[in-house]
Amino acid sequence: MKSNDKFEVERIACGANNCFIVSQGDNSILVDTATLKYRGKILAKCVGRDVKLIFITHGHYDHTQNAAYLAENLKVPVAMHEADVPLLAEMPIPKAHALLGRVMVAFMRLAKNNVTGKIISLFQNASIPPFKPDILLKDGDYLGEYGVSAEVVALPGHTNGSIGLKLGETGLIAGDAMMNIVRPQKAPHYLDRAAMEQSFDKIKNYGGGFTLHFGHGKSVQSP
């Protein structure tokens, strides 16, 4: 692998969520793991690739439920930010700044209180099969030793340990720090609003021509 090798990004659509396989030369990193329903699909996409690392953008269940399964099957380590490790055991109820966020938070509260129903059942299988991250990442960490010359970018707010993956000068995987729901926008719910706003501005300030990849919604070119 050379640092100037072209990045290739494959989006794996998993219902409302996205995972990504980021490749450079013959090496790859899997970004996020979606929910239990999609474990077979994600594993099949990884077969034949030299996946060297599972990179978790943040600790919510819809990004981590298959981490243990995929790590075992691919025989690779899992990496995430230390601040989000507590979310693997219990997700605190976030705050919301938009209608969609308020609706989502209301469903989370109902599900946490064991209220049943078809709609909130989306949130009732939110437990995460236990795993302990092998690698704790921080802002500025370089992932070249895992075969891809990408850089970790801190994007806190949605969760305290939300991180992205900067792909040279060509792209950024933003996780849920920004979502493309109808249009690219900040996450509808958060743990720290001030940090979320700063992370959103940070993403927007990347240079023109950057491809932005999101945990929810299709990728777009930055203006």
Protein backbone atom coordinates (compact mmCIF):
# COMPACT_ATOMS: atom_id res chain seq x y z
CA MET A 1 0.00 0.00 0.00
CA LYS A 2 1.23 3.46 -0.91
CA SER A 3 -0.14 6.60 0.70
CA ASN A 4 -1.00 7.99 -2.73
CA ASP A 5 -2.96 4.92 -3.84
CA LYS A 6 -6.52 5.82 -4.79
CA PHE A 7 -9.25 5.27 -2.20
CA GLU A 8 -12.22 3.17 -3.23
CA VAL A 9 -15.38 3.39 -1.12
CA GLU A 10 -18.21 0.88 -1.42
CA ARG A 11 -21.42 1.73 0.39
CA ILE A 12 -23.30 -1.23 1.85
CA ALA A 13 -26.92 -0.17 2.30
CA CYS A 14 -28.41 -1.88 5.35
CA GLY A 15 -31.97 -0.60 5.56
CA ALA A 16 -31.76 2.94 6.90
CA ASN A 17 -28.08 2.49 7.76
CA ASN A 18 -24.88 2.45 5.77
CA CYS A 19 -21.67 0.54 6.23
CA PHE A 20 -18.64 1.13 4.04
CA ILE A 21 -15.70 -0.85 2.77
CA VAL A 22 -12.79 1.52 2.24
CA SER A 23 -10.06 0.01 0.08
CA GLN A 24 -6.64 1.21 -0.94
CA GLY A 25 -4.59 -1.09 -3.10
CA ASP A 26 -5.28 -4.64 -1.90
CA ASN A 27 -6.19 -3.59 1.66
CA SER A 28 -9.55 -2.68 3.18
CA ILE A 29 -11.21 -1.34 6.32
CA LEU A 30 -14.85 -2.01 7.19
CA VAL A 31 -16.60 1.06 8.60
CA ASP A 32 -19.53 0.28 10.95
CA THR A 33 -21.50 -2.95 11.19
CA ALA A 34 -25.26 -2.10 11.12
CA THR A 35 -27.90 -4.27 12.83
CA LEU A 36 -28.24 -8.01 13.27
CA LYS A 37 -30.48 -8.45 10.23
CA TYR A 38 -27.65 -7.47 7.87
CA ARG A 39 -24.74 -9.47 9.25
CA GLY A 40 -24.81 -11.98 6.39
CA LYS A 41 -24.91 -9.26 3.74
CA ILE A 42 -21.98 -7.40 5.25
CA LEU A 43 -19.88 -10.53 5.69
CA ALA A 44 -20.52 -11.54 2.08
CA LYS A 45 -19.31 -8.12 0.90
CA CYS A 46 -16.11 -8.60 2.89
CA VAL A 47 -15.33 -12.04 1.47
CA GLY A 48 -12.40 -11.84 -0.92
CA ARG A 49 -11.23 -8.53 0.51
CA ASP A 50 -8.22 -8.19 2.73
CA VAL A 51 -10.13 -6.48 5.54
CA LYS A 52 -7.67 -5.54 8.27
CA LEU A 53 -9.82 -3.49 10.67
CA ILE A 54 -13.39 -2.75 11.71
CA PHE A 55 -13.75 1.00 12.32
CA ILE A 56 -16.74 2.10 14.44
CA THR A 57 -17.86 5.70 13.96
CA HIS A 58 -19.87 5.72 17.21
CA GLY A 59 -21.35 3.38 19.77
CA HIS A 60 -25.05 3.29 18.85
CA TYR A 61 -26.50 -0.18 18.36
CA ASP A 62 -27.37 0.38 14.69
CA HIS A 63 -23.66 0.80 13.98
CA THR A 64 -22.26 -1.84 16.33
CA GLN A 65 -24.59 -4.84 16.59
CA ASN A 66 -22.49 -6.99 14.25
CA ALA A 67 -19.08 -5.92 15.51
CA ALA A 68 -18.46 -9.08 17.57
CA TYR A 69 -19.76 -11.38 14.83
CA LEU A 70 -17.79 -9.78 12.02
CA ALA A 71 -14.60 -9.46 14.07
CA GLU A 72 -14.74 -13.18 14.83
CA ASN A 73 -15.45 -14.20 11.24
CA LEU A 74 -12.97 -11.84 9.64
CA LYS A 75 -10.33 -12.32 12.35
CA VAL A 76 -9.68 -8.60 12.62
CA PRO A 77 -9.60 -6.04 15.47
CA VAL A 78 -12.35 -3.53 16.24
CA ALA A 79 -11.48 0.14 16.75
CA MET A 80 -13.53 2.99 18.20
CA HIS A 81 -13.21 6.05 20.44
CA GLU A 82 -12.87 5.41 24.16
CA ALA A 83 -15.63 7.90 25.02
CA ASP A 84 -18.24 5.72 23.30
CA VAL A 85 -17.34 2.44 24.98
CA PRO A 86 -20.02 2.99 27.70
CA LEU A 87 -22.69 3.09 24.96
CA LEU A 88 -22.02 -0.59 24.25
CA ALA A 89 -23.68 -1.37 27.59
CA GLU A 90 -26.41 1.27 27.70
CA MET A 91 -27.43 4.15 25.49
CA PRO A 92 -28.49 7.30 27.36
CA ILE A 93 -31.59 9.04 26.07
CA PRO A 94 -30.34 11.90 23.85
CA LYS A 95 -31.74 15.38 23.34
CA ALA A 96 -33.25 16.58 20.07
CA HIS A 97 -33.31 19.83 18.09
CA ALA A 98 -35.62 18.86 15.22
CA LEU A 99 -39.02 17.22 14.77
CA LEU A 100 -37.51 13.98 13.48
CA GLY A 101 -35.16 13.89 16.44
CA ARG A 102 -37.97 14.49 18.92
CA VAL A 103 -40.00 11.66 17.41
CA MET A 104 -37.01 9.32 17.56
CA VAL A 105 -36.28 10.24 21.17
CA ALA A 106 -39.93 9.67 22.12
CA PHE A 107 -39.78 6.15 20.64
CA MET A 108 -36.52 5.50 22.50
CA ARG A 109 -38.16 6.46 25.79
CA LEU A 110 -41.15 4.21 25.13
CA ALA A 111 -38.93 1.30 24.17
CA LYS A 112 -36.78 1.77 27.26
CA ASN A 113 -39.94 1.60 29.37
CA ASN A 114 -40.98 -1.68 27.68
CA VAL A 115 -43.99 -0.23 25.88
CA THR A 116 -44.89 -2.48 22.95
CA GLY A 117 -46.08 -1.70 19.44
CA LYS A 118 -44.99 -2.18 15.86
CA ILE A 119 -43.37 1.22 15.50
CA ILE A 120 -41.33 1.24 18.68
CA SER A 121 -40.35 -2.39 18.13
CA LEU A 122 -37.69 -0.88 15.85
CA PHE A 123 -35.91 0.17 19.02
CA GLN A 124 -36.60 -2.88 21.17
CA ASN A 125 -33.81 -5.06 19.78
CA ALA A 126 -31.23 -2.44 20.60
CA SER A 127 -28.92 -4.60 22.71
CA ILE A 128 -25.37 -5.04 21.45
CA PRO A 129 -23.74 -8.48 21.53
CA PRO A 130 -20.80 -7.98 23.91
CA PHE A 131 -17.43 -7.03 22.56
CA LYS A 132 -14.45 -5.08 23.80
CA PRO A 133 -12.75 -2.80 21.29
CA ASP A 134 -9.20 -3.88 20.59
CA ILE A 135 -8.05 -0.40 19.61
CA LEU A 136 -9.04 2.96 21.12
CA LEU A 137 -8.77 5.77 18.59
CA LYS A 138 -8.39 9.51 18.95
CA ASP A 139 -8.36 12.55 16.69
CA GLY A 140 -5.45 12.52 14.26
CA ASP A 141 -4.66 8.80 14.48
CA TYR A 142 -3.31 7.41 11.22
CA LEU A 143 -4.48 3.98 10.06
CA GLY A 144 -1.71 3.17 7.62
CA GLU A 145 -0.63 0.14 9.64
CA TYR A 146 -4.03 -1.39 8.83
CA GLY A 147 -3.49 -1.01 5.11
CA VAL A 148 -5.40 2.22 4.41
CA SER A 149 -3.79 5.67 4.71
CA ALA A 150 -6.81 7.31 6.33
CA GLU A 151 -6.91 9.66 9.31
CA VAL A 152 -9.26 9.66 12.29
CA VAL A 153 -11.26 12.87 12.71
CA ALA A 154 -13.02 13.73 15.98
CA LEU A 155 -16.68 14.66 15.36
CA PRO A 156 -18.27 14.66 18.85
CA GLY A 157 -21.77 15.80 19.71
CA HIS A 158 -24.09 13.14 18.34
CA THR A 159 -22.22 10.99 20.85
CA ASN A 160 -19.24 11.97 22.94
CA GLY A 161 -16.92 9.72 20.98
CA SER A 162 -18.21 10.15 17.44
CA ILE A 163 -15.38 9.95 14.92
CA GLY A 164 -15.02 10.11 11.16
CA LEU A 165 -12.52 8.83 8.66
CA LYS A 166 -10.71 11.31 6.39
CA LEU A 167 -9.65 9.74 3.09
CA GLY A 168 -6.76 11.91 2.01
CA GLU A 169 -8.04 14.98 0.19
CA THR A 170 -10.87 13.14 -1.52
CA GLY A 171 -13.49 12.19 1.03
CA LEU A 172 -14.79 11.93 4.58
CA ILE A 173 -16.90 9.25 6.22
CA ALA A 174 -18.87 11.29 8.75
CA GLY A 175 -20.88 8.61 10.56
CA ASP A 176 -23.92 10.28 12.10
CA ALA A 177 -22.27 13.65 12.73
CA MET A 178 -24.05 14.58 9.50
CA MET A 179 -26.91 12.69 7.83
CA ASN A 180 -28.40 12.92 4.36
CA ILE A 181 -32.09 12.66 5.25
CA VAL A 182 -33.93 14.60 2.50
CA ARG A 183 -30.83 16.81 2.42
CA PRO A 184 -27.44 16.81 4.17
CA GLN A 185 -28.04 18.05 7.70
CA LYS A 186 -26.83 17.75 11.26
CA ALA A 187 -27.93 14.74 13.29
CA PRO A 188 -31.50 15.12 14.62
CA HIS A 189 -30.49 14.13 18.16
CA TYR A 190 -27.37 14.57 20.22
CA LEU A 191 -25.70 14.28 23.63
CA ASP A 192 -23.86 17.62 23.38
CA ARG A 193 -25.42 20.25 21.15
CA ALA A 194 -22.51 22.71 21.17
CA ALA A 195 -20.09 19.97 20.17
CA MET A 196 -22.51 18.71 17.53
CA GLU A 197 -22.75 22.18 15.97
CA GLN A 198 -18.96 22.50 15.90
CA SER A 199 -18.58 19.08 14.27
CA PHE A 200 -21.23 19.94 11.68
CA ASP A 201 -19.37 23.15 10.80
CA LYS A 202 -16.11 21.22 10.64
CA ILE A 203 -17.57 18.85 8.04
CA LYS A 204 -19.05 21.70 6.00
CA ASN A 205 -15.67 23.44 5.90
CA TYR A 206 -13.89 20.62 4.10
CA GLY A 207 -12.68 21.66 0.67
CA GLY A 208 -14.83 21.63 -2.44
CA GLY A 209 -14.98 18.34 -4.29
CA PHE A 210 -14.80 16.25 -1.12
CA THR A 211 -17.15 13.26 -1.18
CA LEU A 212 -19.10 13.06 2.07
CA HIS A 213 -20.30 9.63 3.18
CA PHE A 214 -22.96 9.32 5.87
CA GLY A 215 -24.26 6.72 8.27
CA HIS A 216 -27.74 7.49 6.91
CA GLY A 217 -28.42 8.52 3.31
CA LYS A 218 -26.51 8.60 0.06
CA SER A 219 -23.07 10.10 -0.36
CA VAL A 220 -22.75 13.58 -1.85
CA GLN A 221 -20.11 15.88 -3.26
CA SER A 222 -19.38 18.91 -1.10
CA PRO A 223 -19.83 22.25 -2.91
